[in-house]
Protein backbone atom coordinates (compact mmCIF):
# COMPACT_ATOMS: atom_id res chain seq x y z
CA UNK A 1 0.00 0.00 0.00
CA UNK A 2 1.45 3.37 -0.99
CA UNK A 3 0.98 6.36 1.24
CA UNK A 4 -0.71 9.25 -0.47
CA UNK A 5 -0.39 12.81 0.79
CA UNK A 6 -3.76 14.25 1.67
CA UNK A 7 -4.76 17.44 -0.09
CA UNK A 8 -6.62 18.82 2.92
CA UNK A 9 -4.34 17.74 5.75
CA UNK A 10 -1.19 19.83 6.01
CA UNK A 11 1.86 19.63 8.24
CA UNK A 12 2.28 21.85 11.26
CA UNK A 13 5.08 23.77 9.52
CA UNK A 14 2.90 24.39 6.46
CA UNK A 15 0.06 25.50 8.74
CA UNK A 16 2.36 28.00 10.47
CA UNK A 17 3.44 29.38 7.10
CA UNK A 18 -0.18 29.77 5.99
CA UNK A 19 -1.03 31.37 9.35
CA UNK A 20 1.65 33.99 8.70
CA UNK A 21 0.28 34.58 5.20
CA UNK A 22 -3.24 35.03 6.62
CA UNK A 23 -1.93 37.74 8.98
CA UNK A 24 -0.71 39.75 5.98
CA UNK A 25 -3.72 39.05 3.75
CA UNK A 26 -1.65 36.92 1.37
CA UNK A 27 -3.34 33.52 1.85
CA UNK A 28 -5.70 32.14 -0.75
CA UNK A 29 -9.12 30.80 0.10
CA UNK A 30 -7.85 27.25 -0.40
CA UNK A 31 -4.98 27.86 2.04
CA UNK A 32 -7.35 29.34 4.63
CA UNK A 33 -9.59 26.27 4.31
CA UNK A 34 -6.65 23.91 4.87
CA UNK A 35 -5.51 26.00 7.84
CA UNK A 36 -8.98 25.96 9.40
CA UNK A 37 -9.10 22.17 9.10
CA UNK A 38 -5.73 21.96 10.83
CA UNK A 39 -6.84 24.42 13.52
CA UNK A 40 -9.90 22.26 14.25
CA UNK A 41 -7.77 19.49 15.74
CA UNK A 42 -4.14 20.64 16.27
CA UNK A 43 -3.53 22.40 19.57
CA UNK A 44 0.03 23.37 18.58
CA UNK A 45 -1.18 25.17 15.48
CA UNK A 46 -4.00 26.78 17.49
CA UNK A 47 -1.48 28.11 20.02
CA UNK A 48 0.78 29.44 17.24
CA UNK A 49 -2.17 31.13 15.55
CA UNK A 50 -3.31 32.69 18.81
CA UNK A 51 0.19 34.07 19.57
CA UNK A 52 0.50 35.32 15.99
CA UNK A 53 -2.83 37.17 16.23
CA UNK A 54 -1.86 38.69 19.58
CA UNK A 55 1.49 39.87 18.21
CA UNK A 56 -0.20 41.47 15.19
CA UNK A 57 -2.66 43.28 17.48
CA UNK A 58 0.14 44.60 19.67
CA UNK A 59 2.14 45.86 16.69
CA UNK A 60 -0.91 47.67 15.33
CA UNK A 61 -1.67 49.21 18.73
CA UNK A 62 1.92 50.39 19.12
CA UNK A 63 1.53 52.73 16.14
CA UNK A 64 5.22 52.38 15.37
CA UNK A 65 6.52 55.24 13.25
CA UNK A 66 9.63 54.84 11.14
CA UNK A 67 11.82 57.37 9.40
CA UNK A 68 11.45 57.72 5.68
CA UNK A 69 14.42 56.74 3.51
CA UNK A 70 15.33 60.32 2.56
CA UNK A 71 15.66 61.35 6.19
CA UNK A 72 17.68 58.22 7.01
CA UNK A 73 20.06 58.96 4.15
CA UNK A 74 20.46 62.56 5.23
CA UNK A 75 21.17 61.53 8.84
CA UNK A 76 23.71 58.95 7.69
CA UNK A 77 25.51 61.51 5.53
CA UNK A 78 25.65 64.00 8.42
CA UNK A 79 27.01 61.33 10.76
CA UNK A 80 29.67 60.27 8.26
CA UNK A 81 30.63 63.91 7.71
CA UNK A 82 31.05 64.51 11.46
CA UNK A 83 33.00 61.29 11.90
CA UNK A 84 35.37 62.13 9.05
CA UNK A 85 35.93 65.65 10.39
CA UNK A 86 36.97 64.24 13.78
CA UNK A 87 39.83 62.25 12.23
C-alpha atoms as a PDB file:
ATOM      1  CA  UNK A   1       0.000   0.000   0.000  1.00  0.00           C
ATOM      2  CA  UNK A   2       1.454   3.370  -0.994  1.00  0.00           C
ATOM      3  CA  UNK A   3       0.981   6.356   1.245  1.00  0.00           C
ATOM      4  CA  UNK A   4      -0.705   9.252  -0.466  1.00  0.00           C
ATOM      5  CA  UNK A   5      -0.387  12.812   0.786  1.00  0.00           C
ATOM      6  CA  UNK A   6      -3.758  14.253   1.672  1.00  0.00           C
ATOM      7  CA  UNK A   7      -4.764  17.435  -0.089  1.00  0.00           C
ATOM      8  CA  UNK A   8      -6.623  18.817   2.924  1.00  0.00           C
ATOM      9  CA  UNK A   9      -4.336  17.743   5.753  1.00  0.00           C
ATOM     10  CA  UNK A  10      -1.194  19.831   6.012  1.00  0.00           C
ATOM     11  CA  UNK A  11       1.863  19.633   8.236  1.00  0.00           C
ATOM     12  CA  UNK A  12       2.282  21.847  11.265  1.00  0.00           C
ATOM     13  CA  UNK A  13       5.077  23.769   9.519  1.00  0.00           C
ATOM     14  CA  UNK A  14       2.905  24.391   6.462  1.00  0.00           C
ATOM     15  CA  UNK A  15       0.061  25.497   8.738  1.00  0.00           C
ATOM     16  CA  UNK A  16       2.361  28.003  10.471  1.00  0.00           C
ATOM     17  CA  UNK A  17       3.438  29.378   7.104  1.00  0.00           C
ATOM     18  CA  UNK A  18      -0.179  29.765   5.993  1.00  0.00           C
ATOM     19  CA  UNK A  19      -1.028  31.369   9.351  1.00  0.00           C
ATOM     20  CA  UNK A  20       1.654  33.989   8.698  1.00  0.00           C
ATOM     21  CA  UNK A  21       0.277  34.580   5.204  1.00  0.00           C
ATOM     22  CA  UNK A  22      -3.238  35.033   6.622  1.00  0.00           C
ATOM     23  CA  UNK A  23      -1.932  37.737   8.982  1.00  0.00           C
ATOM     24  CA  UNK A  24      -0.711  39.749   5.983  1.00  0.00           C
ATOM     25  CA  UNK A  25      -3.716  39.046   3.753  1.00  0.00           C
ATOM     26  CA  UNK A  26      -1.645  36.920   1.375  1.00  0.00           C
ATOM     27  CA  UNK A  27      -3.345  33.523   1.854  1.00  0.00           C
ATOM     28  CA  UNK A  28      -5.696  32.136  -0.754  1.00  0.00           C
ATOM     29  CA  UNK A  29      -9.122  30.798   0.103  1.00  0.00           C
ATOM     30  CA  UNK A  30      -7.852  27.253  -0.395  1.00  0.00           C
ATOM     31  CA  UNK A  31      -4.982  27.856   2.040  1.00  0.00           C
ATOM     32  CA  UNK A  32      -7.350  29.343   4.626  1.00  0.00           C
ATOM     33  CA  UNK A  33      -9.592  26.268   4.308  1.00  0.00           C
ATOM     34  CA  UNK A  34      -6.655  23.912   4.868  1.00  0.00           C
ATOM     35  CA  UNK A  35      -5.513  26.000   7.835  1.00  0.00           C
ATOM     36  CA  UNK A  36      -8.982  25.959   9.401  1.00  0.00           C
ATOM     37  CA  UNK A  37      -9.098  22.168   9.102  1.00  0.00           C
ATOM     38  CA  UNK A  38      -5.726  21.957  10.832  1.00  0.00           C
ATOM     39  CA  UNK A  39      -6.842  24.424  13.516  1.00  0.00           C
ATOM     40  CA  UNK A  40      -9.895  22.258  14.252  1.00  0.00           C
ATOM     41  CA  UNK A  41      -7.769  19.494  15.741  1.00  0.00           C
ATOM     42  CA  UNK A  42      -4.144  20.637  16.270  1.00  0.00           C
ATOM     43  CA  UNK A  43      -3.530  22.402  19.566  1.00  0.00           C
ATOM     44  CA  UNK A  44       0.031  23.365  18.582  1.00  0.00           C
ATOM     45  CA  UNK A  45      -1.184  25.169  15.477  1.00  0.00           C
ATOM     46  CA  UNK A  46      -3.996  26.779  17.491  1.00  0.00           C
ATOM     47  CA  UNK A  47      -1.478  28.109  20.024  1.00  0.00           C
ATOM     48  CA  UNK A  48       0.777  29.440  17.239  1.00  0.00           C
ATOM     49  CA  UNK A  49      -2.169  31.132  15.550  1.00  0.00           C
ATOM     50  CA  UNK A  50      -3.311  32.694  18.815  1.00  0.00           C
ATOM     51  CA  UNK A  51       0.187  34.069  19.567  1.00  0.00           C
ATOM     52  CA  UNK A  52       0.503  35.321  15.994  1.00  0.00           C
ATOM     53  CA  UNK A  53      -2.825  37.166  16.230  1.00  0.00           C
ATOM     54  CA  UNK A  54      -1.864  38.694  19.578  1.00  0.00           C
ATOM     55  CA  UNK A  55       1.488  39.871  18.214  1.00  0.00           C
ATOM     56  CA  UNK A  56      -0.199  41.466  15.194  1.00  0.00           C
ATOM     57  CA  UNK A  57      -2.662  43.275  17.476  1.00  0.00           C
ATOM     58  CA  UNK A  58       0.144  44.599  19.668  1.00  0.00           C
ATOM     59  CA  UNK A  59       2.143  45.861  16.695  1.00  0.00           C
ATOM     60  CA  UNK A  60      -0.915  47.672  15.334  1.00  0.00           C
ATOM     61  CA  UNK A  61      -1.670  49.215  18.735  1.00  0.00           C
ATOM     62  CA  UNK A  62       1.919  50.385  19.122  1.00  0.00           C
ATOM     63  CA  UNK A  63       1.535  52.729  16.137  1.00  0.00           C
ATOM     64  CA  UNK A  64       5.219  52.379  15.366  1.00  0.00           C
ATOM     65  CA  UNK A  65       6.522  55.238  13.246  1.00  0.00           C
ATOM     66  CA  UNK A  66       9.634  54.837  11.142  1.00  0.00           C
ATOM     67  CA  UNK A  67      11.824  57.369   9.402  1.00  0.00           C
ATOM     68  CA  UNK A  68      11.449  57.723   5.676  1.00  0.00           C
ATOM     69  CA  UNK A  69      14.423  56.736   3.506  1.00  0.00           C
ATOM     70  CA  UNK A  70      15.332  60.316   2.555  1.00  0.00           C
ATOM     71  CA  UNK A  71      15.661  61.351   6.190  1.00  0.00           C
ATOM     72  CA  UNK A  72      17.682  58.220   7.009  1.00  0.00           C
ATOM     73  CA  UNK A  73      20.061  58.956   4.148  1.00  0.00           C
ATOM     74  CA  UNK A  74      20.461  62.564   5.232  1.00  0.00           C
ATOM     75  CA  UNK A  75      21.173  61.535   8.839  1.00  0.00           C
ATOM     76  CA  UNK A  76      23.706  58.950   7.690  1.00  0.00           C
ATOM     77  CA  UNK A  77      25.509  61.515   5.526  1.00  0.00           C
ATOM     78  CA  UNK A  78      25.653  64.005   8.415  1.00  0.00           C
ATOM     79  CA  UNK A  79      27.007  61.333  10.755  1.00  0.00           C
ATOM     80  CA  UNK A  80      29.668  60.273   8.258  1.00  0.00           C
ATOM     81  CA  UNK A  81      30.626  63.914   7.705  1.00  0.00           C
ATOM     82  CA  UNK A  82      31.050  64.511  11.462  1.00  0.00           C
ATOM     83  CA  UNK A  83      33.004  61.286  11.904  1.00  0.00           C
ATOM     84  CA  UNK A  84      35.365  62.128   9.048  1.00  0.00           C
ATOM     85  CA  UNK A  85      35.929  65.655  10.386  1.00  0.00           C
ATOM     86  CA  UNK A  86      36.972  64.243  13.781  1.00  0.00           C
ATOM     87  CA  UNK A  87      39.834  62.251  12.232  1.00  0.00           C
END
